[in-house]
Amino acid sequence: MKNTRKLTSLAMLLIAVLFSATAWAQDAKPKASPAASAEGKIGNANVTVNYSSPAVKGRTVWGELVPYGKVWRSGANEATTVTFDKDVMIEGKPLAAGTYSFYTIPGEDKWTVIFNKTAKQWGTQYDEKQDALRVDVTPRKAKSMNERLKYDVTKDGLLLSWENMEVPVKVSAKK
């Protein structure tokens, strides 16, 4: 009787260990849209972009996965955020220092770039009434294919790159 109890306890322990190992292995699977960031300096302003980076995965991104003429969270998961530690000029218009959610309205020839005052939010909870600034920019063909969405902070501003498209946003330090 004692041997049966010991065997049963040992079997239960082994099963528990196997289930734990399986659960841990699932957590190790890479995320479909991993978190990423870009940092840099534009003039005297420190700039940080935090976003989730989806992949193309053989899909047509512009006009299909990301429809033209509709607000897009410009990333995946939580809203992409842009932080400026100093007041800046975006495409010649003033924007106060702070952290903003970053949305866009893609178009074939023109994009609207949106800095929204509600930074911490799920990407699909956009509220136009919270917009701090909207500017129009012109997209361009990328020099090479970008499998993953990527942001860069350059001396000239922000650059969103994904699939075969780049979207430059001019940023300058406020004087």
Protein backbone atom coordinates (compact mmCIF):
# COMPACT_ATOMS: atom_id res chain seq x y z
CA MET A 1 0.00 0.00 0.00
CA LYS A 2 2.84 2.41 0.89
CA ASN A 3 4.60 1.65 -2.42
CA THR A 4 1.46 2.44 -4.37
CA ARG A 5 1.15 5.82 -2.63
CA LYS A 6 4.79 6.61 -3.30
CA LEU A 7 4.43 5.67 -6.97
CA THR A 8 1.28 7.75 -7.29
CA SER A 9 2.97 10.76 -5.65
CA LEU A 10 6.02 10.37 -7.87
CA ALA A 11 3.85 10.12 -11.00
CA MET A 12 1.92 13.26 -9.99
CA LEU A 13 5.17 15.13 -9.42
CA LEU A 14 6.48 14.05 -12.83
CA ILE A 15 3.27 15.20 -14.53
CA ALA A 16 3.48 18.58 -12.76
CA VAL A 17 7.09 19.05 -13.90
CA LEU A 18 6.16 18.19 -17.50
CA PHE A 19 3.27 20.68 -17.53
CA SER A 20 5.51 23.40 -16.06
CA ALA A 21 8.18 22.79 -18.69
CA THR A 22 5.57 22.97 -21.46
CA ALA A 23 4.23 26.29 -20.12
CA TRP A 24 7.74 27.76 -19.95
CA ALA A 25 8.52 26.61 -23.48
CA GLN A 26 5.45 28.44 -24.79
CA ASP A 27 6.64 31.70 -23.20
CA ALA A 28 9.95 31.40 -25.06
CA LYS A 29 8.21 31.61 -28.45
CA PRO A 30 9.09 34.91 -30.17
CA LYS A 31 6.33 37.52 -30.31
CA ALA A 32 4.72 38.22 -33.68
CA SER A 33 5.29 41.96 -33.18
CA PRO A 34 8.16 42.39 -30.71
CA ALA A 35 8.71 45.61 -28.79
CA ALA A 36 11.34 47.93 -30.25
CA SER A 37 12.60 51.45 -29.75
CA ALA A 38 14.59 54.15 -31.50
CA GLU A 39 16.46 56.95 -29.77
CA GLY A 40 18.40 59.93 -30.93
CA LYS A 41 18.98 63.63 -30.72
CA ILE A 42 17.48 66.25 -33.01
CA GLY A 43 19.14 69.57 -32.30
CA ASN A 44 19.15 69.79 -28.51
CA ALA A 45 16.07 67.55 -28.07
CA ASN A 46 16.31 63.91 -27.03
CA VAL A 47 13.77 61.82 -28.94
CA THR A 48 12.54 58.30 -28.14
CA VAL A 49 10.11 56.19 -30.16
CA ASN A 50 8.62 53.06 -28.53
CA TYR A 51 6.65 50.71 -30.77
CA SER A 52 5.79 47.11 -31.60
CA SER A 53 7.32 45.89 -34.86
CA PRO A 54 5.05 43.73 -37.06
CA ALA A 55 6.45 41.77 -40.01
CA VAL A 56 5.33 41.77 -43.64
CA LYS A 57 5.11 37.93 -43.80
CA GLY A 58 4.44 37.96 -47.54
CA ARG A 59 1.43 40.27 -47.21
CA THR A 60 0.74 43.48 -49.12
CA VAL A 61 0.96 46.10 -46.40
CA TRP A 62 -0.07 49.46 -47.89
CA GLY A 63 -3.65 49.67 -49.06
CA GLU A 64 -4.50 46.17 -47.80
CA LEU A 65 -3.18 45.19 -44.34
CA VAL A 66 -3.00 48.91 -43.55
CA PRO A 67 -5.86 50.53 -45.48
CA TYR A 68 -5.51 53.94 -47.06
CA GLY A 69 -7.60 56.77 -45.62
CA LYS A 70 -8.05 55.25 -42.13
CA VAL A 71 -6.31 56.00 -38.84
CA TRP A 72 -3.51 53.49 -38.18
CA ARG A 73 -1.68 53.01 -34.88
CA SER A 74 1.62 53.01 -36.79
CA GLY A 75 2.78 49.80 -35.18
CA ALA A 76 1.13 46.88 -33.41
CA ASN A 77 -0.37 46.23 -29.97
CA GLU A 78 -0.16 49.31 -27.71
CA ALA A 79 -0.02 52.70 -29.36
CA THR A 80 3.38 53.76 -30.66
CA THR A 81 4.73 56.61 -28.51
CA VAL A 82 7.12 59.45 -29.27
CA THR A 83 8.80 61.39 -26.47
CA PHE A 84 10.48 64.79 -26.88
CA ASP A 85 12.32 66.21 -23.87
CA LYS A 86 12.26 69.73 -25.36
CA ASP A 87 9.76 71.70 -27.41
CA VAL A 88 10.15 70.92 -31.14
CA MET A 89 8.86 71.94 -34.54
CA ILE A 90 7.14 69.21 -36.57
CA GLU A 91 6.96 70.04 -40.27
CA GLY A 92 7.26 73.71 -39.22
CA LYS A 93 4.52 73.55 -36.54
CA PRO A 94 5.22 73.76 -32.78
CA LEU A 95 4.81 70.77 -30.45
CA ALA A 96 5.45 71.00 -26.71
CA ALA A 97 7.85 68.64 -24.95
CA GLY A 98 6.12 65.46 -23.77
CA THR A 99 5.10 61.93 -24.68
CA TYR A 100 2.53 61.43 -27.40
CA SER A 101 0.88 58.46 -29.05
CA PHE A 102 1.76 58.43 -32.74
CA TYR A 103 -0.91 57.69 -35.35
CA THR A 104 -1.01 58.13 -39.10
CA ILE A 105 -3.57 58.19 -41.87
CA PRO A 106 -1.76 56.58 -44.81
CA GLY A 107 -2.49 57.59 -48.37
CA GLU A 108 -0.91 56.71 -51.69
CA ASP A 109 0.61 60.20 -52.16
CA LYS A 110 0.13 61.92 -48.79
CA TRP A 111 0.06 60.82 -45.15
CA THR A 112 -1.37 62.64 -42.16
CA VAL A 113 0.84 62.25 -39.08
CA ILE A 114 -0.89 62.63 -35.72
CA PHE A 115 0.59 63.32 -32.27
CA ASN A 116 -2.10 62.44 -29.73
CA LYS A 117 -2.04 63.60 -26.08
CA THR A 118 -3.15 60.20 -24.72
CA ALA A 119 0.14 58.29 -24.76
CA LYS A 120 -0.64 55.19 -22.69
CA GLN A 121 -3.40 53.38 -24.56
CA TRP A 122 -4.09 50.34 -26.66
CA GLY A 123 -3.38 51.20 -30.29
CA THR A 124 -7.00 51.00 -31.43
CA GLN A 125 -8.41 53.38 -28.78
CA TYR A 126 -7.64 56.53 -30.77
CA ASP A 127 -9.67 59.64 -29.89
CA GLU A 128 -9.35 62.52 -32.37
CA LYS A 129 -10.37 65.03 -29.66
CA GLN A 130 -7.02 64.31 -27.95
CA ASP A 131 -4.89 65.29 -30.96
CA ALA A 132 -2.11 67.74 -30.09
CA LEU A 133 -0.91 68.14 -33.69
CA ARG A 134 -1.63 66.90 -37.22
CA VAL A 135 0.71 67.46 -40.16
CA ASP A 136 0.84 66.16 -43.72
CA VAL A 137 3.95 64.44 -45.09
CA THR A 138 4.93 62.78 -48.36
CA PRO A 139 5.85 59.08 -48.36
CA ARG A 140 8.59 57.74 -50.64
CA LYS A 141 9.75 54.42 -52.00
CA ALA A 142 12.30 52.76 -49.72
CA LYS A 143 15.77 51.96 -51.04
CA SER A 144 15.31 48.37 -49.88
CA MET A 145 12.58 46.07 -48.55
CA ASN A 146 12.00 46.21 -44.78
CA GLU A 147 10.48 42.99 -43.45
CA ARG A 148 9.78 44.57 -40.06
CA LEU A 149 8.35 47.98 -39.26
CA LYS A 150 11.19 50.21 -38.10
CA TYR A 151 11.55 53.75 -36.80
CA ASP A 152 14.75 55.80 -36.93
CA VAL A 153 15.56 59.11 -35.29
CA THR A 154 17.75 61.02 -37.74
CA LYS A 155 19.23 64.53 -37.70
CA ASP A 156 16.26 65.57 -39.89
CA GLY A 157 13.47 63.96 -37.86
CA LEU A 158 11.62 60.67 -37.66
CA LEU A 159 11.64 57.99 -40.34
CA LEU A 160 9.05 55.19 -40.44
CA SER A 161 10.12 52.32 -42.75
CA TRP A 162 8.17 49.19 -43.60
CA GLU A 163 7.78 46.96 -46.66
CA ASN A 164 8.75 49.16 -49.64
CA MET A 165 7.79 52.53 -48.11
CA GLU A 166 9.49 55.23 -46.04
CA VAL A 167 7.65 58.07 -44.33
CA PRO A 168 9.90 60.97 -43.28
CA VAL A 169 8.64 63.46 -40.69
CA LYS A 170 10.70 66.67 -40.37
CA VAL A 171 11.51 67.54 -36.77
CA SER A 172 13.68 70.44 -35.64
CA ALA A 173 14.57 71.93 -32.29
CA LYS A 174 12.40 74.90 -31.38
CA LYS A 175 14.40 78.11 -31.31
